[in-house]
Amino acid sequence: MILALIIGIVSFFVFYLWVYADTDDGLAAFGIALMAALIIGLIGALLAGLFSALSDPYEVETKTPLVLVSDGTAVNGRFALFSGLIETGEVFRYYIKDTNGGMTLHSKSADKSTIYEDSAKPYMTTICLEKEDAWYKINGPDGPYDCRYEFHVPENSVSREIVLDGN
């Protein structure tokens, strides 16, 4: 985007000097140069956006210490004018400590999560793909996309029993 702005400013001065040299009319030269700079700057911005959208995303990892991890089912629903939709999905729920000492409950989809029994203290690694260009961040989806989660828990802490009850 900065490149498109520089191209627009340079093209303004080039067109202004070119038209002013031919017509000796400063106002006409200013108007024509302004229109040409806007058009060239807009084309440059569109090309910059196109090429930046083609850039490869990169991975960003964040590590969050956990207090407790469990699995469960999440139920979501939407209702409007006598109709509705209820969805369920498997999730991993976890507590993290706040800066003030309290604990907050969060959940992540089990479809995008993996558990590893390899750590003395439990933590979660969030791995998200992001794009570095400003054009995508302004016009693209909010925040990172295509995140996956790795839960690292102490050895032998995952229950391997499944209880099926008829209730």
C-alpha atoms as a PDB file:
ATOM      1  CA  MET A   1       0.000   0.000   0.000  1.00  0.00           C
ATOM      2  CA  ILE A   2       2.857   2.361   0.739  1.00  0.00           C
ATOM      3  CA  LEU A   3       4.290   1.575  -2.682  1.00  0.00           C
ATOM      4  CA  ALA A   4       0.960   2.489  -4.322  1.00  0.00           C
ATOM      5  CA  LEU A   5       0.928   5.801  -2.411  1.00  0.00           C
ATOM      6  CA  ILE A   6       4.481   6.612  -3.531  1.00  0.00           C
ATOM      7  CA  ILE A   7       3.624   5.739  -7.142  1.00  0.00           C
ATOM      8  CA  GLY A   8       0.556   7.999  -6.949  1.00  0.00           C
ATOM      9  CA  ILE A   9       2.564  10.945  -5.569  1.00  0.00           C
ATOM     10  CA  VAL A  10       5.359  10.535  -8.121  1.00  0.00           C
ATOM     11  CA  SER A  11       2.869  10.222 -10.982  1.00  0.00           C
ATOM     12  CA  PHE A  12       1.115  13.394  -9.772  1.00  0.00           C
ATOM     13  CA  PHE A  13       4.322  15.419 -10.055  1.00  0.00           C
ATOM     14  CA  VAL A  14       5.267  13.849 -13.394  1.00  0.00           C
ATOM     15  CA  PHE A  15       1.843  14.561 -14.937  1.00  0.00           C
ATOM     16  CA  TYR A  16       1.732  18.064 -13.430  1.00  0.00           C
ATOM     17  CA  LEU A  17       5.083  19.037 -14.931  1.00  0.00           C
ATOM     18  CA  TRP A  18       4.240  17.397 -18.261  1.00  0.00           C
ATOM     19  CA  VAL A  19       0.820  19.089 -18.633  1.00  0.00           C
ATOM     20  CA  TYR A  20       2.068  22.442 -17.281  1.00  0.00           C
ATOM     21  CA  ALA A  21       4.952  22.424 -19.784  1.00  0.00           C
ATOM     22  CA  ASP A  22       2.460  21.921 -22.646  1.00  0.00           C
ATOM     23  CA  THR A  23      -0.337  24.296 -21.553  1.00  0.00           C
ATOM     24  CA  ASP A  24       1.141  26.876 -19.141  1.00  0.00           C
ATOM     25  CA  ASP A  25      -2.148  26.569 -17.213  1.00  0.00           C
ATOM     26  CA  GLY A  26      -1.444  25.652 -13.597  1.00  0.00           C
ATOM     27  CA  LEU A  27      -5.053  24.865 -12.640  1.00  0.00           C
ATOM     28  CA  ALA A  28      -5.653  22.560 -15.599  1.00  0.00           C
ATOM     29  CA  ALA A  29      -2.298  20.873 -14.997  1.00  0.00           C
ATOM     30  CA  PHE A  30      -3.196  20.372 -11.323  1.00  0.00           C
ATOM     31  CA  GLY A  31      -6.590  18.824 -12.141  1.00  0.00           C
ATOM     32  CA  ILE A  32      -5.272  16.490 -14.819  1.00  0.00           C
ATOM     33  CA  ALA A  33      -2.297  15.460 -12.696  1.00  0.00           C
ATOM     34  CA  LEU A  34      -4.577  14.794  -9.706  1.00  0.00           C
ATOM     35  CA  MET A  35      -6.918  12.589 -11.754  1.00  0.00           C
ATOM     36  CA  ALA A  36      -4.011  10.690 -13.322  1.00  0.00           C
ATOM     37  CA  ALA A  37      -2.366  10.178  -9.909  1.00  0.00           C
ATOM     38  CA  LEU A  38      -5.628   8.881  -8.418  1.00  0.00           C
ATOM     39  CA  ILE A  39      -6.135   6.420 -11.265  1.00  0.00           C
ATOM     40  CA  ILE A  40      -2.520   5.211 -11.235  1.00  0.00           C
ATOM     41  CA  GLY A  41      -2.521   5.025  -7.408  1.00  0.00           C
ATOM     42  CA  LEU A  42      -5.768   3.023  -7.434  1.00  0.00           C
ATOM     43  CA  ILE A  43      -4.396   0.592 -10.015  1.00  0.00           C
ATOM     44  CA  GLY A  44      -1.198   0.287  -7.945  1.00  0.00           C
ATOM     45  CA  ALA A  45      -3.227  -0.404  -4.774  1.00  0.00           C
ATOM     46  CA  LEU A  46      -5.274  -3.081  -6.542  1.00  0.00           C
ATOM     47  CA  LEU A  47      -2.136  -4.753  -7.893  1.00  0.00           C
ATOM     48  CA  ALA A  48      -0.468  -4.573  -4.472  1.00  0.00           C
ATOM     49  CA  GLY A  49      -3.541  -6.167  -2.895  1.00  0.00           C
ATOM     50  CA  LEU A  50      -3.618  -8.897  -5.532  1.00  0.00           C
ATOM     51  CA  PHE A  51       0.034  -9.795  -5.095  1.00  0.00           C
ATOM     52  CA  SER A  52      -0.114  -9.642  -1.305  1.00  0.00           C
ATOM     53  CA  ALA A  53      -3.146 -11.969  -1.297  1.00  0.00           C
ATOM     54  CA  LEU A  54      -1.006 -14.503  -3.129  1.00  0.00           C
ATOM     55  CA  SER A  55       1.683 -14.458  -0.411  1.00  0.00           C
ATOM     56  CA  ASP A  56       2.121 -17.588   1.684  1.00  0.00           C
ATOM     57  CA  PRO A  57       0.809 -17.608   5.242  1.00  0.00           C
ATOM     58  CA  TYR A  58       3.144 -18.381   8.108  1.00  0.00           C
ATOM     59  CA  GLU A  59       2.647 -20.182  11.415  1.00  0.00           C
ATOM     60  CA  VAL A  60       2.440 -18.356  14.734  1.00  0.00           C
ATOM     61  CA  GLU A  61       2.704 -20.379  17.939  1.00  0.00           C
ATOM     62  CA  THR A  62       1.538 -19.281  21.383  1.00  0.00           C
ATOM     63  CA  LYS A  63       1.978 -21.276  24.570  1.00  0.00           C
ATOM     64  CA  THR A  64      -0.625 -21.084  27.369  1.00  0.00           C
ATOM     65  CA  PRO A  65      -0.150 -22.737  30.794  1.00  0.00           C
ATOM     66  CA  LEU A  66      -3.202 -24.758  31.876  1.00  0.00           C
ATOM     67  CA  VAL A  67      -4.710 -25.584  35.256  1.00  0.00           C
ATOM     68  CA  LEU A  68      -7.116 -28.357  34.242  1.00  0.00           C
ATOM     69  CA  VAL A  69      -8.128 -30.084  30.976  1.00  0.00           C
ATOM     70  CA  SER A  70     -11.230 -32.205  30.328  1.00  0.00           C
ATOM     71  CA  ASP A  71     -13.318 -33.317  27.370  1.00  0.00           C
ATOM     72  CA  GLY A  72     -17.012 -32.819  26.811  1.00  0.00           C
ATOM     73  CA  THR A  73     -19.756 -31.791  24.432  1.00  0.00           C
ATOM     74  CA  ALA A  74     -20.685 -28.267  23.432  1.00  0.00           C
ATOM     75  CA  VAL A  75     -24.270 -27.416  22.503  1.00  0.00           C
ATOM     76  CA  ASN A  76     -24.992 -24.338  20.403  1.00  0.00           C
ATOM     77  CA  GLY A  77     -28.287 -23.138  19.001  1.00  0.00           C
ATOM     78  CA  ARG A  78     -29.945 -20.390  17.001  1.00  0.00           C
ATOM     79  CA  PHE A  79     -33.645 -19.668  16.981  1.00  0.00           C
ATOM     80  CA  ALA A  80     -35.770 -17.181  15.034  1.00  0.00           C
ATOM     81  CA  LEU A  81     -39.502 -17.046  14.287  1.00  0.00           C
ATOM     82  CA  PHE A  82     -40.633 -20.564  15.215  1.00  0.00           C
ATOM     83  CA  SER A  83     -37.614 -22.309  13.742  1.00  0.00           C
ATOM     84  CA  GLY A  84     -34.183 -23.124  15.017  1.00  0.00           C
ATOM     85  CA  LEU A  85     -31.030 -25.118  14.787  1.00  0.00           C
ATOM     86  CA  ILE A  86     -29.186 -27.010  17.508  1.00  0.00           C
ATOM     87  CA  GLU A  87     -25.613 -28.164  16.969  1.00  0.00           C
ATOM     88  CA  THR A  88     -23.385 -30.298  19.154  1.00  0.00           C
ATOM     89  CA  GLY A  89     -19.692 -30.964  18.952  1.00  0.00           C
ATOM     90  CA  GLU A  90     -16.895 -32.547  20.933  1.00  0.00           C
ATOM     91  CA  VAL A  91     -14.647 -30.061  22.727  1.00  0.00           C
ATOM     92  CA  PHE A  92     -11.729 -29.928  25.109  1.00  0.00           C
ATOM     93  CA  ARG A  93     -12.413 -27.648  28.055  1.00  0.00           C
ATOM     94  CA  TYR A  94      -9.587 -26.101  30.017  1.00  0.00           C
ATOM     95  CA  TYR A  95      -8.988 -23.580  32.766  1.00  0.00           C
ATOM     96  CA  ILE A  96      -6.287 -20.937  32.671  1.00  0.00           C
ATOM     97  CA  LYS A  97      -5.173 -18.634  35.477  1.00  0.00           C
ATOM     98  CA  ASP A  98      -5.862 -14.929  35.125  1.00  0.00           C
ATOM     99  CA  THR A  99      -3.413 -12.255  36.138  1.00  0.00           C
ATOM    100  CA  ASN A 100      -5.569 -11.512  39.208  1.00  0.00           C
ATOM    101  CA  GLY A 101      -5.418 -15.139  40.431  1.00  0.00           C
ATOM    102  CA  GLY A 102      -8.831 -16.270  39.176  1.00  0.00           C
ATOM    103  CA  MET A 103      -9.453 -19.083  36.708  1.00  0.00           C
ATOM    104  CA  THR A 104     -11.423 -18.815  33.463  1.00  0.00           C
ATOM    105  CA  LEU A 105     -12.990 -21.630  31.472  1.00  0.00           C
ATOM    106  CA  HIS A 106     -12.301 -21.930  27.745  1.00  0.00           C
ATOM    107  CA  SER A 107     -12.964 -24.609  25.128  1.00  0.00           C
ATOM    108  CA  LYS A 108     -11.528 -25.695  21.785  1.00  0.00           C
ATOM    109  CA  SER A 109     -12.984 -28.017  19.164  1.00  0.00           C
ATOM    110  CA  ALA A 110     -11.770 -31.590  19.496  1.00  0.00           C
ATOM    111  CA  ASP A 111     -11.563 -31.838  15.693  1.00  0.00           C
ATOM    112  CA  LYS A 112      -8.702 -29.339  15.680  1.00  0.00           C
ATOM    113  CA  SER A 113      -6.982 -30.567  18.853  1.00  0.00           C
ATOM    114  CA  THR A 114      -4.341 -33.163  19.697  1.00  0.00           C
ATOM    115  CA  ILE A 115      -3.300 -34.363  23.163  1.00  0.00           C
ATOM    116  CA  TYR A 116       0.307 -35.275  23.963  1.00  0.00           C
ATOM    117  CA  GLU A 117       1.345 -36.942  27.219  1.00  0.00           C
ATOM    118  CA  ASP A 118       4.827 -35.494  27.398  1.00  0.00           C
ATOM    119  CA  SER A 119       4.941 -32.645  29.875  1.00  0.00           C
ATOM    120  CA  ALA A 120       5.393 -32.261  33.625  1.00  0.00           C
ATOM    121  CA  LYS A 121       3.157 -29.174  33.692  1.00  0.00           C
ATOM    122  CA  PRO A 122       0.106 -28.946  31.403  1.00  0.00           C
ATOM    123  CA  TYR A 123       0.109 -26.329  28.662  1.00  0.00           C
ATOM    124  CA  MET A 124      -1.593 -25.685  25.346  1.00  0.00           C
ATOM    125  CA  THR A 125       0.150 -24.634  22.157  1.00  0.00           C
ATOM    126  CA  THR A 126      -1.986 -22.703  19.669  1.00  0.00           C
ATOM    127  CA  ILE A 127      -0.640 -22.864  16.116  1.00  0.00           C
ATOM    128  CA  CYS A 128      -2.353 -20.467  13.704  1.00  0.00           C
ATOM    129  CA  LEU A 129      -1.670 -19.518  10.110  1.00  0.00           C
ATOM    130  CA  GLU A 130      -1.466 -15.769   9.560  1.00  0.00           C
ATOM    131  CA  LYS A 131      -0.665 -13.468   6.679  1.00  0.00           C
ATOM    132  CA  GLU A 132       1.749 -10.626   7.139  1.00  0.00           C
ATOM    133  CA  ASP A 133       0.271  -8.155   4.682  1.00  0.00           C
ATOM    134  CA  ALA A 134      -1.950  -5.303   5.829  1.00  0.00           C
ATOM    135  CA  TRP A 135      -4.339  -5.673   2.860  1.00  0.00           C
ATOM    136  CA  TYR A 136      -5.424  -9.116   4.077  1.00  0.00           C
ATOM    137  CA  LYS A 137      -5.756  -7.985   7.689  1.00  0.00           C
ATOM    138  CA  ILE A 138      -8.022  -5.074   6.676  1.00  0.00           C
ATOM    139  CA  ASN A 139     -10.202  -6.942   4.173  1.00  0.00           C
ATOM    140  CA  GLY A 140      -9.811 -10.566   5.291  1.00  0.00           C
ATOM    141  CA  PRO A 141     -11.408 -12.478   8.140  1.00  0.00           C
ATOM    142  CA  ASP A 142     -10.975 -11.271  11.704  1.00  0.00           C
ATOM    143  CA  GLY A 143      -7.878 -12.604  13.383  1.00  0.00           C
ATOM    144  CA  PRO A 144      -5.891 -15.647  12.401  1.00  0.00           C
ATOM    145  CA  TYR A 145      -7.346 -18.501  10.423  1.00  0.00           C
ATOM    146  CA  ASP A 146      -6.825 -22.250  10.337  1.00  0.00           C
ATOM    147  CA  CYS A 147      -5.772 -22.728  13.979  1.00  0.00           C
ATOM    148  CA  ARG A 148      -4.938 -26.069  15.566  1.00  0.00           C
ATOM    149  CA  TYR A 149      -4.336 -26.824  19.216  1.00  0.00           C
ATOM    150  CA  GLU A 150      -1.873 -29.118  20.976  1.00  0.00           C
ATOM    151  CA  PHE A 151      -2.585 -30.002  24.599  1.00  0.00           C
ATOM    152  CA  HIS A 152       0.523 -31.191  26.456  1.00  0.00           C
ATOM    153  CA  VAL A 153      -0.327 -33.009  29.709  1.00  0.00           C
ATOM    154  CA  PRO A 154       1.620 -35.135  32.242  1.00  0.00           C
ATOM    155  CA  GLU A 155       2.274 -38.815  31.502  1.00  0.00           C
ATOM    156  CA  ASN A 156      -0.587 -41.234  32.319  1.00  0.00           C
ATOM    157  CA  SER A 157      -3.049 -38.417  33.004  1.00  0.00           C
ATOM    158  CA  VAL A 158      -5.404 -39.246  30.123  1.00  0.00           C
ATOM    159  CA  SER A 159      -8.215 -41.566  31.170  1.00  0.00           C
ATOM    160  CA  ARG A 160      -8.483 -44.572  28.873  1.00  0.00           C
ATOM    161  CA  GLU A 161     -11.858 -45.763  30.181  1.00  0.00           C
ATOM    162  CA  ILE A 162     -15.121 -45.103  28.396  1.00  0.00           C
ATOM    163  CA  VAL A 163     -18.294 -45.249  30.473  1.00  0.00           C
ATOM    164  CA  LEU A 164     -21.519 -45.804  28.575  1.00  0.00           C
ATOM    165  CA  ASP A 165     -24.630 -45.311  30.614  1.00  0.00           C
ATOM    166  CA  GLY A 166     -28.188 -45.446  29.439  1.00  0.00           C
ATOM    167  CA  ASN A 167     -29.271 -42.291  31.243  1.00  0.00           C
END
